[in-house]
Amino acid sequence: MLITDLLQQAQATDQEILDSAYGIENFTFDTIPSPAESKRLRQMRNRLDELKAMKRVALRARVAGKQTRMVLADCGHYTIEVMSTSRGSSCPNCYDRMSNLTEGR
């Protein structure tokens, strides 16, 4: 599937994002993108980062012989690695945003 087609979809599946990883990471617009296209590409890149992180954690757990389980953290993301913050649980990507360390900056 072409990246331009993915940008036009309201929601891409995780498998479509993983299958198009190279294109999502390296895609550049030939023309000035609309705000909606820029936002959608940013969302797909963020989701790709989350999926890659989940795969790394799952691989480490499998090597260690542990069972893995996805959990919905308070930040709104599913993660295998739950981190505790002053505002609730978070995924590793949202830890700084959810912790008190960044308040007032």
N, C-alpha and C. Protein backbone atom coordinates (compact mmCIF):
# COMPACT_ATOMS: atom_id res chain seq x y z
N MET A 1 0.84 -1.18 0.00
CA MET A 1 0.00 0.00 0.00
C MET A 1 0.89 1.24 0.00
N LEU A 2 0.51 2.23 -0.77
CA LEU A 2 1.27 3.47 -0.84
C LEU A 2 1.03 4.31 0.41
N ILE A 3 2.04 5.05 0.82
CA ILE A 3 1.93 5.91 1.99
C ILE A 3 0.86 6.98 1.76
N THR A 4 0.77 7.49 0.55
CA THR A 4 -0.26 8.49 0.26
C THR A 4 -1.66 7.91 0.46
N ASP A 5 -1.84 6.62 0.15
CA ASP A 5 -3.13 5.97 0.40
C ASP A 5 -3.40 5.85 1.90
N LEU A 6 -2.36 5.51 2.66
CA LEU A 6 -2.52 5.41 4.12
C LEU A 6 -2.88 6.75 4.73
N LEU A 7 -2.30 7.83 4.19
CA LEU A 7 -2.60 9.16 4.72
C LEU A 7 -4.06 9.55 4.49
N GLN A 8 -4.66 9.00 3.45
CA GLN A 8 -6.05 9.33 3.14
C GLN A 8 -7.05 8.54 3.99
N GLN A 9 -6.59 7.42 4.57
CA GLN A 9 -7.49 6.61 5.40
C GLN A 9 -7.73 7.28 6.74
N ALA A 10 -8.93 7.08 7.27
CA ALA A 10 -9.22 7.63 8.59
C ALA A 10 -8.41 6.90 9.66
N GLN A 11 -8.21 5.61 9.49
CA GLN A 11 -7.48 4.80 10.47
C GLN A 11 -6.78 3.66 9.75
N ALA A 12 -5.48 3.55 9.96
CA ALA A 12 -4.73 2.43 9.39
C ALA A 12 -4.57 1.37 10.48
N THR A 13 -4.60 0.12 10.08
CA THR A 13 -4.42 -0.95 11.05
C THR A 13 -2.95 -1.02 11.46
N ASP A 14 -2.71 -1.63 12.60
CA ASP A 14 -1.33 -1.80 13.06
C ASP A 14 -0.51 -2.58 12.05
N GLN A 15 -1.12 -3.59 11.43
CA GLN A 15 -0.39 -4.39 10.44
C GLN A 15 -0.03 -3.55 9.22
N GLU A 16 -0.94 -2.68 8.76
CA GLU A 16 -0.64 -1.80 7.63
C GLU A 16 0.51 -0.86 7.98
N ILE A 17 0.53 -0.37 9.20
CA ILE A 17 1.61 0.53 9.63
C ILE A 17 2.93 -0.22 9.68
N LEU A 18 2.93 -1.43 10.23
CA LEU A 18 4.16 -2.22 10.29
C LEU A 18 4.64 -2.59 8.89
N ASP A 19 3.71 -2.95 8.01
CA ASP A 19 4.07 -3.31 6.63
C ASP A 19 4.66 -2.12 5.87
N SER A 20 4.28 -0.91 6.24
CA SER A 20 4.74 0.29 5.55
C SER A 20 5.76 1.07 6.36
N ALA A 21 6.44 0.41 7.29
CA ALA A 21 7.35 1.09 8.22
C ALA A 21 8.40 1.93 7.52
N TYR A 22 9.06 1.37 6.53
CA TYR A 22 10.13 2.11 5.84
C TYR A 22 9.58 3.39 5.21
N GLY A 23 8.46 3.26 4.55
CA GLY A 23 7.87 4.43 3.89
C GLY A 23 7.41 5.48 4.88
N ILE A 24 6.83 5.04 6.00
CA ILE A 24 6.36 5.99 7.01
C ILE A 24 7.54 6.75 7.62
N GLU A 25 8.62 6.03 7.88
CA GLU A 25 9.79 6.67 8.50
C GLU A 25 10.49 7.63 7.55
N ASN A 26 10.49 7.34 6.26
CA ASN A 26 11.29 8.10 5.31
C ASN A 26 10.47 8.95 4.34
N PHE A 27 9.16 9.00 4.53
CA PHE A 27 8.29 9.71 3.60
C PHE A 27 8.51 11.22 3.69
N THR A 28 8.60 11.86 2.54
CA THR A 28 8.62 13.32 2.46
C THR A 28 7.60 13.73 1.41
N PHE A 29 6.98 14.86 1.62
CA PHE A 29 5.97 15.36 0.69
C PHE A 29 6.65 16.06 -0.49
N ASP A 30 6.11 15.87 -1.70
CA ASP A 30 6.61 16.56 -2.88
C ASP A 30 6.16 18.02 -2.88
N THR A 31 5.00 18.26 -2.28
CA THR A 31 4.45 19.60 -2.18
C THR A 31 4.24 19.92 -0.71
N ILE A 32 3.84 21.12 -0.43
CA ILE A 32 3.57 21.49 0.97
C ILE A 32 2.33 20.72 1.43
N PRO A 33 2.47 19.93 2.51
CA PRO A 33 1.33 19.12 2.95
C PRO A 33 0.29 19.97 3.68
N SER A 34 -0.92 19.47 3.64
CA SER A 34 -1.98 20.13 4.40
C SER A 34 -1.75 19.83 5.88
N PRO A 35 -2.30 20.63 6.77
CA PRO A 35 -2.17 20.34 8.20
C PRO A 35 -2.69 18.94 8.56
N ALA A 36 -3.76 18.51 7.90
CA ALA A 36 -4.33 17.19 8.18
C ALA A 36 -3.36 16.08 7.76
N GLU A 37 -2.69 16.26 6.61
CA GLU A 37 -1.72 15.25 6.16
C GLU A 37 -0.52 15.19 7.09
N SER A 38 -0.04 16.34 7.51
CA SER A 38 1.10 16.39 8.44
C SER A 38 0.74 15.72 9.76
N LYS A 39 -0.46 16.01 10.26
CA LYS A 39 -0.90 15.42 11.52
C LYS A 39 -1.03 13.90 11.39
N ARG A 40 -1.60 13.45 10.30
CA ARG A 40 -1.80 12.00 10.08
C ARG A 40 -0.45 11.29 9.99
N LEU A 41 0.52 11.86 9.28
CA LEU A 41 1.83 11.25 9.18
C LEU A 41 2.50 11.20 10.54
N ARG A 42 2.38 12.26 11.32
CA ARG A 42 2.93 12.29 12.67
C ARG A 42 2.29 11.20 13.55
N GLN A 43 0.96 11.03 13.43
CA GLN A 43 0.26 9.99 14.19
C GLN A 43 0.76 8.60 13.79
N MET A 44 0.93 8.38 12.49
CA MET A 44 1.40 7.06 12.04
C MET A 44 2.83 6.81 12.51
N ARG A 45 3.67 7.83 12.49
CA ARG A 45 5.06 7.66 12.98
C ARG A 45 5.07 7.37 14.48
N ASN A 46 4.21 8.05 15.24
CA ASN A 46 4.13 7.78 16.69
C ASN A 46 3.64 6.36 16.95
N ARG A 47 2.63 5.93 16.21
CA ARG A 47 2.11 4.57 16.38
C ARG A 47 3.16 3.54 15.98
N LEU A 48 3.91 3.80 14.94
CA LEU A 48 4.97 2.90 14.52
C LEU A 48 6.02 2.78 15.62
N ASP A 49 6.38 3.89 16.26
CA ASP A 49 7.33 3.85 17.37
C ASP A 49 6.80 3.00 18.52
N GLU A 50 5.50 3.15 18.83
CA GLU A 50 4.88 2.35 19.89
C GLU A 50 4.92 0.86 19.54
N LEU A 51 4.58 0.53 18.30
CA LEU A 51 4.56 -0.87 17.88
C LEU A 51 5.96 -1.49 17.93
N LYS A 52 6.96 -0.72 17.51
CA LYS A 52 8.33 -1.23 17.58
C LYS A 52 8.77 -1.44 19.02
N ALA A 53 8.39 -0.52 19.90
CA ALA A 53 8.74 -0.66 21.32
C ALA A 53 8.07 -1.90 21.91
N MET A 54 6.80 -2.13 21.55
CA MET A 54 6.09 -3.30 22.05
C MET A 54 6.75 -4.59 21.56
N LYS A 55 7.19 -4.59 20.30
CA LYS A 55 7.85 -5.77 19.76
C LYS A 55 9.16 -6.05 20.49
N ARG A 56 9.94 -4.98 20.79
CA ARG A 56 11.20 -5.17 21.51
C ARG A 56 10.96 -5.73 22.90
N VAL A 57 9.98 -5.19 23.62
CA VAL A 57 9.67 -5.67 24.96
C VAL A 57 9.17 -7.10 24.92
N ALA A 58 8.31 -7.42 23.95
CA ALA A 58 7.79 -8.78 23.83
C ALA A 58 8.91 -9.76 23.52
N LEU A 59 9.85 -9.35 22.67
CA LEU A 59 10.98 -10.22 22.34
C LEU A 59 11.84 -10.46 23.57
N ARG A 60 12.14 -9.39 24.33
CA ARG A 60 12.93 -9.56 25.55
C ARG A 60 12.24 -10.48 26.54
N ALA A 61 10.92 -10.33 26.67
CA ALA A 61 10.16 -11.16 27.60
C ALA A 61 10.14 -12.61 27.13
N ARG A 62 10.02 -12.81 25.83
CA ARG A 62 9.99 -14.17 25.29
C ARG A 62 11.34 -14.85 25.51
N VAL A 63 12.42 -14.09 25.31
CA VAL A 63 13.76 -14.63 25.53
C VAL A 63 13.94 -14.99 27.00
N ALA A 64 13.38 -14.15 27.88
CA ALA A 64 13.49 -14.41 29.31
C ALA A 64 12.49 -15.47 29.78
N GLY A 65 11.61 -15.92 28.90
CA GLY A 65 10.65 -16.96 29.24
C GLY A 65 9.44 -16.45 30.00
N LYS A 66 9.15 -15.18 29.92
CA LYS A 66 8.00 -14.60 30.62
C LYS A 66 6.81 -14.49 29.68
N GLN A 67 5.63 -14.50 30.27
CA GLN A 67 4.41 -14.25 29.51
C GLN A 67 4.26 -12.74 29.35
N THR A 68 3.76 -12.29 28.22
CA THR A 68 3.52 -10.86 28.02
C THR A 68 2.03 -10.61 27.96
N ARG A 69 1.63 -9.45 28.47
CA ARG A 69 0.22 -9.07 28.49
C ARG A 69 0.12 -7.58 28.24
N MET A 70 -0.72 -7.20 27.30
CA MET A 70 -0.93 -5.79 27.01
C MET A 70 -1.87 -5.19 28.05
N VAL A 71 -1.54 -3.99 28.53
CA VAL A 71 -2.33 -3.31 29.54
C VAL A 71 -2.63 -1.91 29.02
N LEU A 72 -3.85 -1.43 29.28
CA LEU A 72 -4.22 -0.07 28.92
C LEU A 72 -3.78 0.85 30.05
N ALA A 73 -2.80 1.69 29.79
CA ALA A 73 -2.29 2.62 30.80
C ALA A 73 -3.20 3.85 30.87
N ASP A 74 -3.06 4.63 31.95
CA ASP A 74 -3.87 5.82 32.12
C ASP A 74 -3.60 6.89 31.06
N CYS A 75 -2.45 6.80 30.38
CA CYS A 75 -2.14 7.75 29.31
C CYS A 75 -2.98 7.47 28.06
N GLY A 76 -3.63 6.30 28.01
CA GLY A 76 -4.48 5.95 26.87
C GLY A 76 -3.85 5.00 25.88
N HIS A 77 -2.59 4.59 26.11
CA HIS A 77 -1.90 3.67 25.21
C HIS A 77 -1.84 2.28 25.80
N TYR A 78 -1.89 1.29 24.92
CA TYR A 78 -1.65 -0.09 25.35
C TYR A 78 -0.15 -0.31 25.41
N THR A 79 0.30 -0.97 26.45
CA THR A 79 1.72 -1.21 26.62
C THR A 79 1.96 -2.50 27.39
N ILE A 80 3.12 -3.05 27.20
CA ILE A 80 3.53 -4.22 27.98
C ILE A 80 4.29 -3.75 29.21
N GLU A 81 4.99 -2.63 29.05
CA GLU A 81 5.82 -2.08 30.11
C GLU A 81 5.08 -0.90 30.75
N VAL A 82 4.42 -1.11 31.89
CA VAL A 82 3.67 -0.05 32.55
C VAL A 82 4.58 0.67 33.53
N MET A 83 4.55 2.00 33.47
CA MET A 83 5.35 2.81 34.39
C MET A 83 4.41 3.59 35.29
N SER A 84 4.79 3.74 36.54
CA SER A 84 3.98 4.45 37.51
C SER A 84 4.42 5.91 37.60
N THR A 85 3.45 6.82 37.49
CA THR A 85 3.74 8.25 37.61
C THR A 85 2.81 8.85 38.65
N SER A 86 3.02 10.12 38.97
CA SER A 86 2.17 10.78 39.95
C SER A 86 0.74 10.98 39.43
N ARG A 87 0.55 10.89 38.12
CA ARG A 87 -0.78 11.06 37.53
C ARG A 87 -1.41 9.73 37.10
N GLY A 88 -0.82 8.63 37.47
CA GLY A 88 -1.34 7.31 37.11
C GLY A 88 -0.32 6.52 36.32
N SER A 89 -0.77 5.46 35.69
CA SER A 89 0.14 4.61 34.93
C SER A 89 0.37 5.21 33.54
N SER A 90 1.52 4.90 32.96
CA SER A 90 1.81 5.40 31.62
C SER A 90 2.67 4.40 30.87
N CYS A 91 2.70 4.58 29.56
CA CYS A 91 3.61 3.82 28.73
C CYS A 91 4.97 4.53 28.79
N PRO A 92 6.05 3.90 28.36
CA PRO A 92 7.36 4.56 28.40
C PRO A 92 7.41 5.87 27.61
N ASN A 93 6.67 5.97 26.50
CA ASN A 93 6.70 7.19 25.69
C ASN A 93 6.04 8.38 26.39
N CYS A 94 5.08 8.13 27.28
CA CYS A 94 4.34 9.22 27.94
C CYS A 94 4.83 9.49 29.36
N TYR A 95 5.86 8.80 29.80
CA TYR A 95 6.30 8.91 31.19
C TYR A 95 6.61 10.36 31.58
N ASP A 96 7.40 11.07 30.80
CA ASP A 96 7.76 12.45 31.15
C ASP A 96 6.55 13.35 31.22
N ARG A 97 5.65 13.20 30.27
CA ARG A 97 4.44 14.03 30.24
C ARG A 97 3.55 13.76 31.45
N MET A 98 3.51 12.51 31.89
CA MET A 98 2.62 12.12 32.98
C MET A 98 3.23 12.31 34.37
N SER A 99 4.51 12.57 34.44
CA SER A 99 5.14 12.69 35.76
C SER A 99 5.17 14.16 36.19
N ASN A 100 5.38 14.38 37.48
CA ASN A 100 5.44 15.74 38.02
C ASN A 100 6.71 16.45 37.63
N LEU A 101 7.70 15.73 37.12
CA LEU A 101 8.99 16.33 36.80
C LEU A 101 8.88 17.43 35.77
N THR A 102 7.86 17.37 34.90
CA THR A 102 7.74 18.35 33.84
C THR A 102 6.74 19.46 34.15
N GLU A 103 6.10 19.42 35.32
CA GLU A 103 5.14 20.46 35.66
C GLU A 103 5.86 21.79 35.89
N GLY A 104 5.27 22.85 35.43
CA GLY A 104 5.79 24.18 35.68
C GLY A 104 6.92 24.59 34.74
N ARG A 105 7.25 23.79 33.78
CA ARG A 105 8.32 24.14 32.84
C ARG A 105 7.76 24.70 31.58
